[in-house]
Amino acid sequence: MGAYKMDFDRGVFECELVRHHGDTLAAGQWLDHCRWEDAMVPYAVWRGPWSVKRGAYRNQPLGGPHDADARLLLERLAATVPAPPW
């Protein structure tokens, strides 16, 4: 699953699974089998700048509501990819 701020997205997804199915254990087990990819860190590295205080690149807000962050990230990344030569 792709996410932007993975811990938050996973928590929201888990709450929705529990709400829909009514089973906390099953929701947790299902989510444990998912492979999660957090785009926030690679995007922070790509955009910069470095935070001396944190000892890491600064997280970059995308400027939209959280549920739209992943879509905004993909749009921004796609805009930087050159068009194929054909």
PDB file of N, CA and C in Angstrom:
ATOM      1  N   MET A   1       0.838  -1.167   0.000  1.00  0.00           N
ATOM      2  CA  MET A   1       0.000   0.000   0.000  1.00  0.00           C
ATOM      3  C   MET A   1       0.881   1.227   0.000  1.00  0.00           C
ATOM      4  N   GLY A   2       0.573   2.163  -0.836  1.00  0.00           N
ATOM      5  CA  GLY A   2       1.291   3.422  -0.843  1.00  0.00           C
ATOM      6  C   GLY A   2       0.644   4.388   0.128  1.00  0.00           C
ATOM      7  N   ALA A   3       1.451   5.145   0.821  1.00  0.00           N
ATOM      8  CA  ALA A   3       0.935   6.083   1.808  1.00  0.00           C
ATOM      9  C   ALA A   3       1.835   7.311   1.841  1.00  0.00           C
ATOM     10  N   TYR A   4       1.310   8.379   2.390  1.00  0.00           N
ATOM     11  CA  TYR A   4       2.093   9.565   2.665  1.00  0.00           C
ATOM     12  C   TYR A   4       1.882   9.848   4.135  1.00  0.00           C
ATOM     13  N   LYS A   5       2.880   9.575   4.950  1.00  0.00           N
ATOM     14  CA  LYS A   5       2.837   9.531   6.416  1.00  0.00           C
ATOM     15  C   LYS A   5       2.148   8.233   6.821  1.00  0.00           C
ATOM     16  N   MET A   6       2.871   7.168   6.606  1.00  0.00           N
ATOM     17  CA  MET A   6       2.366   5.808   6.692  1.00  0.00           C
ATOM     18  C   MET A   6       1.680   5.479   8.016  1.00  0.00           C
ATOM     19  N   ASP A   7       2.253   5.872   9.148  1.00  0.00           N
ATOM     20  CA  ASP A   7       1.650   5.506  10.424  1.00  0.00           C
ATOM     21  C   ASP A   7       0.246   6.080  10.559  1.00  0.00           C
ATOM     22  N   PHE A   8       0.042   7.298  10.075  1.00  0.00           N
ATOM     23  CA  PHE A   8      -1.284   7.910  10.122  1.00  0.00           C
ATOM     24  C   PHE A   8      -2.250   7.163   9.196  1.00  0.00           C
ATOM     25  N   ASP A   9      -1.831   6.944   7.958  1.00  0.00           N
ATOM     26  CA  ASP A   9      -2.704   6.275   6.983  1.00  0.00           C
ATOM     27  C   ASP A   9      -3.083   4.867   7.433  1.00  0.00           C
ATOM     28  N   ARG A  10      -2.124   4.136   7.994  1.00  0.00           N
ATOM     29  CA  ARG A  10      -2.401   2.777   8.448  1.00  0.00           C
ATOM     30  C   ARG A  10      -3.437   2.808   9.579  1.00  0.00           C
ATOM     31  N   GLY A  11      -3.302   3.754  10.496  1.00  0.00           N
ATOM     32  CA  GLY A  11      -4.250   3.878  11.599  1.00  0.00           C
ATOM     33  C   GLY A  11      -5.656   4.192  11.116  1.00  0.00           C
ATOM     34  N   VAL A  12      -5.768   5.089  10.151  1.00  0.00           N
ATOM     35  CA  VAL A  12      -7.078   5.430   9.599  1.00  0.00           C
ATOM     36  C   VAL A  12      -7.685   4.218   8.896  1.00  0.00           C
ATOM     37  N   PHE A  13      -6.870   3.526   8.115  1.00  0.00           N
ATOM     38  CA  PHE A  13      -7.342   2.352   7.393  1.00  0.00           C
ATOM     39  C   PHE A  13      -7.802   1.265   8.364  1.00  0.00           C
ATOM     40  N   GLU A  14      -7.044   1.072   9.444  1.00  0.00           N
ATOM     41  CA  GLU A  14      -7.420   0.066  10.437  1.00  0.00           C
ATOM     42  C   GLU A  14      -8.755   0.420  11.099  1.00  0.00           C
ATOM     43  N   CYS A  15      -8.935   1.677  11.439  1.00  0.00           N
ATOM     44  CA  CYS A  15     -10.214   2.111  12.043  1.00  0.00           C
ATOM     45  C   CYS A  15     -11.382   1.844  11.102  1.00  0.00           C
ATOM     46  N   GLU A  16     -11.185   2.104   9.825  1.00  0.00           N
ATOM     47  CA  GLU A  16     -12.257   1.875   8.855  1.00  0.00           C
ATOM     48  C   GLU A  16     -12.553   0.383   8.685  1.00  0.00           C
ATOM     49  N   LEU A  17     -11.526  -0.455   8.692  1.00  0.00           N
ATOM     50  CA  LEU A  17     -11.748  -1.901   8.602  1.00  0.00           C
ATOM     51  C   LEU A  17     -12.514  -2.406   9.812  1.00  0.00           C
ATOM     52  N   VAL A  18     -12.146  -1.938  10.986  1.00  0.00           N
ATOM     53  CA  VAL A  18     -12.845  -2.345  12.217  1.00  0.00           C
ATOM     54  C   VAL A  18     -14.284  -1.856  12.177  1.00  0.00           C
ATOM     55  N   ARG A  19     -14.486  -0.630  11.749  1.00  0.00           N
ATOM     56  CA  ARG A  19     -15.848  -0.077  11.675  1.00  0.00           C
ATOM     57  C   ARG A  19     -16.703  -0.886  10.705  1.00  0.00           C
ATOM     58  N   HIS A  20     -16.125  -1.248   9.581  1.00  0.00           N
ATOM     59  CA  HIS A  20     -16.882  -1.967   8.556  1.00  0.00           C
ATOM     60  C   HIS A  20     -17.140  -3.431   8.935  1.00  0.00           C
ATOM     61  N   HIS A  21     -16.097  -4.116   9.450  1.00  0.00           N
ATOM     62  CA  HIS A  21     -16.217  -5.541   9.733  1.00  0.00           C
ATOM     63  C   HIS A  21     -16.491  -5.853  11.198  1.00  0.00           C
ATOM     64  N   GLY A  22     -16.229  -4.894  12.087  1.00  0.00           N
ATOM     65  CA  GLY A  22     -16.491  -5.103  13.501  1.00  0.00           C
ATOM     66  C   GLY A  22     -15.533  -6.066  14.186  1.00  0.00           C
ATOM     67  N   ASP A  23     -14.352  -6.271  13.628  1.00  0.00           N
ATOM     68  CA  ASP A  23     -13.413  -7.244  14.189  1.00  0.00           C
ATOM     69  C   ASP A  23     -12.001  -6.651  14.213  1.00  0.00           C
ATOM     70  N   THR A  24     -11.567  -6.229  15.387  1.00  0.00           N
ATOM     71  CA  THR A  24     -10.257  -5.606  15.536  1.00  0.00           C
ATOM     72  C   THR A  24      -9.123  -6.565  15.214  1.00  0.00           C
ATOM     73  N   LEU A  25      -9.215  -7.795  15.690  1.00  0.00           N
ATOM     74  CA  LEU A  25      -8.152  -8.768  15.472  1.00  0.00           C
ATOM     75  C   LEU A  25      -7.967  -9.063  13.980  1.00  0.00           C
ATOM     76  N   ALA A  26      -9.062  -9.303  13.276  1.00  0.00           N
ATOM     77  CA  ALA A  26      -8.981  -9.608  11.844  1.00  0.00           C
ATOM     78  C   ALA A  26      -8.419  -8.425  11.062  1.00  0.00           C
ATOM     79  N   ALA A  27      -8.812  -7.212  11.421  1.00  0.00           N
ATOM     80  CA  ALA A  27      -8.295  -6.019  10.741  1.00  0.00           C
ATOM     81  C   ALA A  27      -6.791  -5.906  10.945  1.00  0.00           C
ATOM     82  N   GLY A  28      -6.322  -6.089  12.161  1.00  0.00           N
ATOM     83  CA  GLY A  28      -4.896  -6.017  12.448  1.00  0.00           C
ATOM     84  C   GLY A  28      -4.101  -7.093  11.722  1.00  0.00           C
ATOM     85  N   GLN A  29      -4.639  -8.305  11.689  1.00  0.00           N
ATOM     86  CA  GLN A  29      -3.952  -9.395  10.992  1.00  0.00           C
ATOM     87  C   GLN A  29      -3.877  -9.125   9.492  1.00  0.00           C
ATOM     88  N   TRP A  30      -4.946  -8.624   8.922  1.00  0.00           N
ATOM     89  CA  TRP A  30      -4.948  -8.333   7.493  1.00  0.00           C
ATOM     90  C   TRP A  30      -3.927  -7.250   7.167  1.00  0.00           C
ATOM     91  N   LEU A  31      -3.907  -6.195   7.979  1.00  0.00           N
ATOM     92  CA  LEU A  31      -2.968  -5.096   7.741  1.00  0.00           C
ATOM     93  C   LEU A  31      -1.524  -5.532   7.931  1.00  0.00           C
ATOM     94  N   ASP A  32      -1.287  -6.477   8.838  1.00  0.00           N
ATOM     95  CA  ASP A  32       0.077  -6.975   9.049  1.00  0.00           C
ATOM     96  C   ASP A  32       0.613  -7.708   7.824  1.00  0.00           C
ATOM     97  N   HIS A  33      -0.263  -8.202   6.979  1.00  0.00           N
ATOM     98  CA  HIS A  33       0.161  -8.908   5.766  1.00  0.00           C
ATOM     99  C   HIS A  33       0.358  -7.971   4.569  1.00  0.00           C
ATOM    100  N   CYS A  34       0.003  -6.710   4.748  1.00  0.00           N
ATOM    101  CA  CYS A  34       0.187  -5.729   3.671  1.00  0.00           C
ATOM    102  C   CYS A  34       1.621  -5.231   3.661  1.00  0.00           C
ATOM    103  N   ARG A  35       2.136  -4.962   2.493  1.00  0.00           N
ATOM    104  CA  ARG A  35       3.446  -4.323   2.366  1.00  0.00           C
ATOM    105  C   ARG A  35       3.199  -2.828   2.220  1.00  0.00           C
ATOM    106  N   TRP A  36       3.744  -2.058   3.128  1.00  0.00           N
ATOM    107  CA  TRP A  36       3.519  -0.619   3.151  1.00  0.00           C
ATOM    108  C   TRP A  36       4.734   0.120   2.597  1.00  0.00           C
ATOM    109  N   GLU A  37       4.481   1.123   1.814  1.00  0.00           N
ATOM    110  CA  GLU A  37       5.521   2.004   1.283  1.00  0.00           C
ATOM    111  C   GLU A  37       5.150   3.436   1.662  1.00  0.00           C
ATOM    112  N   ASP A  38       6.030   4.097   2.388  1.00  0.00           N
ATOM    113  CA  ASP A  38       5.784   5.473   2.812  1.00  0.00           C
ATOM    114  C   ASP A  38       6.543   6.422   1.890  1.00  0.00           C
ATOM    115  N   ALA A  39       5.818   7.245   1.175  1.00  0.00           N
ATOM    116  CA  ALA A  39       6.428   8.166   0.208  1.00  0.00           C
ATOM    117  C   ALA A  39       6.957   9.438   0.857  1.00  0.00           C
ATOM    118  N   MET A  40       6.648   9.672   2.133  1.00  0.00           N
ATOM    119  CA  MET A  40       7.039  10.930   2.758  1.00  0.00           C
ATOM    120  C   MET A  40       8.561  11.086   2.837  1.00  0.00           C
ATOM    121  N   VAL A  41       9.267  10.049   3.230  1.00  0.00           N
ATOM    122  CA  VAL A  41      10.720  10.159   3.387  1.00  0.00           C
ATOM    123  C   VAL A  41      11.429  10.341   2.043  1.00  0.00           C
ATOM    124  N   PRO A  42      11.156   9.496   1.030  1.00  0.00           N
ATOM    125  CA  PRO A  42      11.832   9.732  -0.254  1.00  0.00           C
ATOM    126  C   PRO A  42      11.499  11.101  -0.864  1.00  0.00           C
ATOM    127  N   TYR A  43      10.272  11.558  -0.661  1.00  0.00           N
ATOM    128  CA  TYR A  43       9.901  12.875  -1.192  1.00  0.00           C
ATOM    129  C   TYR A  43      10.665  13.977  -0.457  1.00  0.00           C
ATOM    130  N   ALA A  44      10.850  13.824   0.863  1.00  0.00           N
ATOM    131  CA  ALA A  44      11.609  14.813   1.630  1.00  0.00           C
ATOM    132  C   ALA A  44      13.053  14.864   1.152  1.00  0.00           C
ATOM    133  N   VAL A  45      13.638  13.703   0.870  1.00  0.00           N
ATOM    134  CA  VAL A  45      15.019  13.650   0.368  1.00  0.00           C
ATOM    135  C   VAL A  45      15.094  14.308  -1.003  1.00  0.00           C
ATOM    136  N   TRP A  46      14.111  14.021  -1.853  1.00  0.00           N
ATOM    137  CA  TRP A  46      14.103  14.565  -3.206  1.00  0.00           C
ATOM    138  C   TRP A  46      13.973  16.089  -3.198  1.00  0.00           C
ATOM    139  N   ARG A  47      13.112  16.605  -2.296  1.00  0.00           N
ATOM    140  CA  ARG A  47      12.852  18.040  -2.262  1.00  0.00           C
ATOM    141  C   ARG A  47      13.838  18.821  -1.409  1.00  0.00           C
ATOM    142  N   GLY A  48      14.398  18.182  -0.357  1.00  0.00           N
ATOM    143  CA  GLY A  48      15.250  18.903   0.578  1.00  0.00           C
ATOM    144  C   GLY A  48      14.402  19.861   1.377  1.00  0.00           C
ATOM    145  N   PRO A  49      14.861  20.654   2.209  1.00  0.00           N
ATOM    146  CA  PRO A  49      16.204  20.836   2.723  1.00  0.00           C
ATOM    147  C   PRO A  49      16.484  19.960   3.954  1.00  0.00           C
ATOM    148  N   TRP A  50      17.752  19.904   4.318  1.00  0.00           N
ATOM    149  CA  TRP A  50      18.218  19.130   5.450  1.00  0.00           C
ATOM    150  C   TRP A  50      17.926  19.891   6.745  1.00  0.00           C
ATOM    151  N   SER A  51      17.478  19.194   7.775  1.00  0.00           N
ATOM    152  CA  SER A  51      17.240  19.789   9.085  1.00  0.00           C
ATOM    153  C   SER A  51      18.352  19.345  10.030  1.00  0.00           C
ATOM    154  N   VAL A  52      19.181  20.275  10.445  1.00  0.00           N
ATOM    155  CA  VAL A  52      20.268  19.960  11.373  1.00  0.00           C
ATOM    156  C   VAL A  52      19.675  19.508  12.707  1.00  0.00           C
ATOM    157  N   LYS A  53      18.606  20.155  13.131  1.00  0.00           N
ATOM    158  CA  LYS A  53      17.973  19.827  14.417  1.00  0.00           C
ATOM    159  C   LYS A  53      17.474  18.386  14.446  1.00  0.00           C
ATOM    160  N   ARG A  54      16.817  17.946  13.374  1.00  0.00           N
ATOM    161  CA  ARG A  54      16.271  16.587  13.307  1.00  0.00           C
ATOM    162  C   ARG A  54      17.299  15.566  12.827  1.00  0.00           C
ATOM    163  N   GLY A  55      18.332  16.022  12.145  1.00  0.00           N
ATOM    164  CA  GLY A  55      19.312  15.114  11.571  1.00  0.00           C
ATOM    165  C   GLY A  55      18.739  14.324  10.407  1.00  0.00           C
ATOM    166  N   ALA A  56      17.810  14.939   9.700  1.00  0.00           N
ATOM    167  CA  ALA A  56      17.151  14.293   8.560  1.00  0.00           C
ATOM    168  C   ALA A  56      16.580  15.379   7.664  1.00  0.00           C
ATOM    169  N   TYR A  57      16.141  14.973   6.488  1.00  0.00           N
ATOM    170  CA  TYR A  57      15.474  15.922   5.607  1.00  0.00           C
ATOM    171  C   TYR A  57      14.119  16.296   6.186  1.00  0.00           C
ATOM    172  N   ARG A  58      13.714  17.525   5.951  1.00  0.00           N
ATOM    173  CA  ARG A  58      12.423  17.993   6.467  1.00  0.00           C
ATOM    174  C   ARG A  58      11.283  17.401   5.656  1.00  0.00           C
ATOM    175  N   ASN A  59      10.247  16.954   6.366  1.00  0.00           N
ATOM    176  CA  ASN A  59       9.044  16.478   5.683  1.00  0.00           C
ATOM    177  C   ASN A  59       8.426  17.639   4.924  1.00  0.00           C
ATOM    178  N   GLN A  60       7.891  17.336   3.770  1.00  0.00           N
ATOM    179  CA  GLN A  60       7.359  18.359   2.887  1.00  0.00           C
ATOM    180  C   GLN A  60       5.838  18.270   2.826  1.00  0.00           C
ATOM    181  N   PRO A  61       5.142  19.318   3.270  1.00  0.00           N
ATOM    182  CA  PRO A  61       3.689  19.319   3.103  1.00  0.00           C
ATOM    183  C   PRO A  61       3.357  19.448   1.620  1.00  0.00           C
ATOM    184  N   LEU A  62       2.274  18.819   1.225  1.00  0.00           N
ATOM    185  CA  LEU A  62       1.893  18.863  -0.181  1.00  0.00           C
ATOM    186  C   LEU A  62       0.837  19.915  -0.471  1.00  0.00           C
ATOM    187  N   GLY A  63       0.253  20.480   0.566  1.00  0.00           N
ATOM    188  CA  GLY A  63      -0.676  21.584   0.368  1.00  0.00           C
ATOM    189  C   GLY A  63      -2.118  21.194   0.195  1.00  0.00           C
ATOM    190  N   GLY A  64      -2.455  19.946   0.414  1.00  0.00           N
ATOM    191  CA  GLY A  64      -3.839  19.514   0.296  1.00  0.00           C
ATOM    192  C   GLY A  64      -4.281  18.814   1.563  1.00  0.00           C
ATOM    193  N   PRO A  65      -5.555  18.434   1.616  1.00  0.00           N
ATOM    194  CA  PRO A  65      -6.005  17.644   2.763  1.00  0.00           C
ATOM    195  C   PRO A  65      -5.249  16.320   2.774  1.00  0.00           C
ATOM    196  N   HIS A  66      -5.097  15.729   3.963  1.00  0.00           N
ATOM    197  CA  HIS A  66      -4.259  14.537   4.069  1.00  0.00           C
ATOM    198  C   HIS A  66      -4.700  13.422   3.130  1.00  0.00           C
ATOM    199  N   ASP A  67      -5.991  13.250   2.936  1.00  0.00           N
ATOM    200  CA  ASP A  67      -6.451  12.146   2.084  1.00  0.00           C
ATOM    201  C   ASP A  67      -6.068  12.354   0.619  1.00  0.00           C
ATOM    202  N   ALA A  68      -5.666  13.565   0.264  1.00  0.00           N
ATOM    203  CA  ALA A  68      -5.253  13.828  -1.114  1.00  0.00           C
ATOM    204  C   ALA A  68      -3.737  13.866  -1.266  1.00  0.00           C
ATOM    205  N   ASP A  69      -2.998  13.707  -0.172  1.00  0.00           N
ATOM    206  CA  ASP A  69      -1.539  13.838  -0.232  1.00  0.00           C
ATOM    207  C   ASP A  69      -0.892  12.874  -1.217  1.00  0.00           C
ATOM    208  N   ALA A  70      -1.280  11.610  -1.199  1.00  0.00           N
ATOM    209  CA  ALA A  70      -0.655  10.635  -2.100  1.00  0.00           C
ATOM    210  C   ALA A  70      -0.916  11.003  -3.559  1.00  0.00           C
ATOM    211  N   ARG A  71      -2.128  11.442  -3.873  1.00  0.00           N
ATOM    212  CA  ARG A  71      -2.453  11.832  -5.241  1.00  0.00           C
ATOM    213  C   ARG A  71      -1.636  13.054  -5.661  1.00  0.00           C
ATOM    214  N   LEU A  72      -1.529  14.040  -4.775  1.00  0.00           N
ATOM    215  CA  LEU A  72      -0.730  15.229  -5.079  1.00  0.00           C
ATOM    216  C   LEU A  72       0.735  14.865  -5.296  1.00  0.00           C
ATOM    217  N   LEU A  73       1.246  13.946  -4.484  1.00  0.00           N
ATOM    218  CA  LEU A  73       2.634  13.526  -4.634  1.00  0.00           C
ATOM    219  C   LEU A  73       2.853  12.898  -6.004  1.00  0.00           C
ATOM    220  N   LEU A  74       1.961  12.004  -6.407  1.00  0.00           N
ATOM    221  CA  LEU A  74       2.104  11.364  -7.716  1.00  0.00           C
ATOM    222  C   LEU A  74       2.043  12.376  -8.844  1.00  0.00           C
ATOM    223  N   GLU A  75       1.163  13.355  -8.731  1.00  0.00           N
ATOM    224  CA  GLU A  75       1.063  14.384  -9.767  1.00  0.00           C
ATOM    225  C   GLU A  75       2.349  15.199  -9.855  1.00  0.00           C
ATOM    226  N   ARG A  76       2.922  15.538  -8.707  1.00  0.00           N
ATOM    227  CA  ARG A  76       4.156  16.327  -8.710  1.00  0.00           C
ATOM    228  C   ARG A  76       5.326  15.528  -9.261  1.00  0.00           C
ATOM    229  N   LEU A  77       5.409  14.262  -8.883  1.00  0.00           N
ATOM    230  CA  LEU A  77       6.485  13.430  -9.399  1.00  0.00           C
ATOM    231  C   LEU A  77       6.330  13.215 -10.902  1.00  0.00           C
ATOM    232  N   ALA A  78       5.101  12.979 -11.351  1.00  0.00           N
ATOM    233  CA  ALA A  78       4.853  12.755 -12.777  1.00  0.00           C
ATOM    234  C   ALA A  78       5.210  13.989 -13.593  1.00  0.00           C
ATOM    235  N   ALA A  79       5.023  15.160 -13.025  1.00  0.00           N
ATOM    236  CA  ALA A  79       5.326  16.399 -13.753  1.00  0.00           C
ATOM    237  C   ALA A  79       6.826  16.574 -13.979  1.00  0.00           C
ATOM    238  N   THR A  80       7.645  15.866 -13.208  1.00  0.00           N
ATOM    239  CA  THR A  80       9.094  16.016 -13.351  1.00  0.00           C
ATOM    240  C   THR A  80       9.712  14.952 -14.244  1.00  0.00           C
ATOM    241  N   VAL A  81       8.942  13.962 -14.610  1.00  0.00           N
ATOM    242  CA  VAL A  81       9.457  12.876 -15.452  1.00  0.00           C
ATOM    243  C   VAL A  81       9.378  13.317 -16.905  1.00  0.00           C
ATOM    244  N   PRO A  82      10.484  13.251 -17.635  1.00  0.00           N
ATOM    245  CA  PRO A  82      10.432  13.672 -19.039  1.00  0.00           C
ATOM    246  C   PRO A  82       9.555  12.749 -19.869  1.00  0.00           C
ATOM    247  N   ALA A  83       8.937  13.291 -20.888  1.00  0.00           N
ATOM    248  CA  ALA A  83       8.092  12.497 -21.775  1.00  0.00           C
ATOM    249  C   ALA A  83       8.945  11.516 -22.556  1.00  0.00           C
ATOM    250  N   PRO A  84       8.421  10.336 -22.832  1.00  0.00           N
ATOM    251  CA  PRO A  84       9.204   9.374 -23.626  1.00  0.00           C
ATOM    252  C   PRO A  84       9.475   9.927 -25.023  1.00  0.00           C
ATOM    253  N   PRO A  85      10.573   9.528 -25.639  1.00  0.00           N
ATOM    254  CA  PRO A  85      10.956  10.094 -26.934  1.00  0.00           C
ATOM    255  C   PRO A  85      10.076   9.635 -28.095  1.00  0.00           C
ATOM    256  N   TRP A  86       9.215   8.678 -27.913  1.00  0.00           N
ATOM    257  CA  TRP A  86       8.401   8.211 -29.036  1.00  0.00           C
ATOM    258  C   TRP A  86       7.089   8.898 -29.137  1.00  0.00           C
TER     259      TRP A  86
END
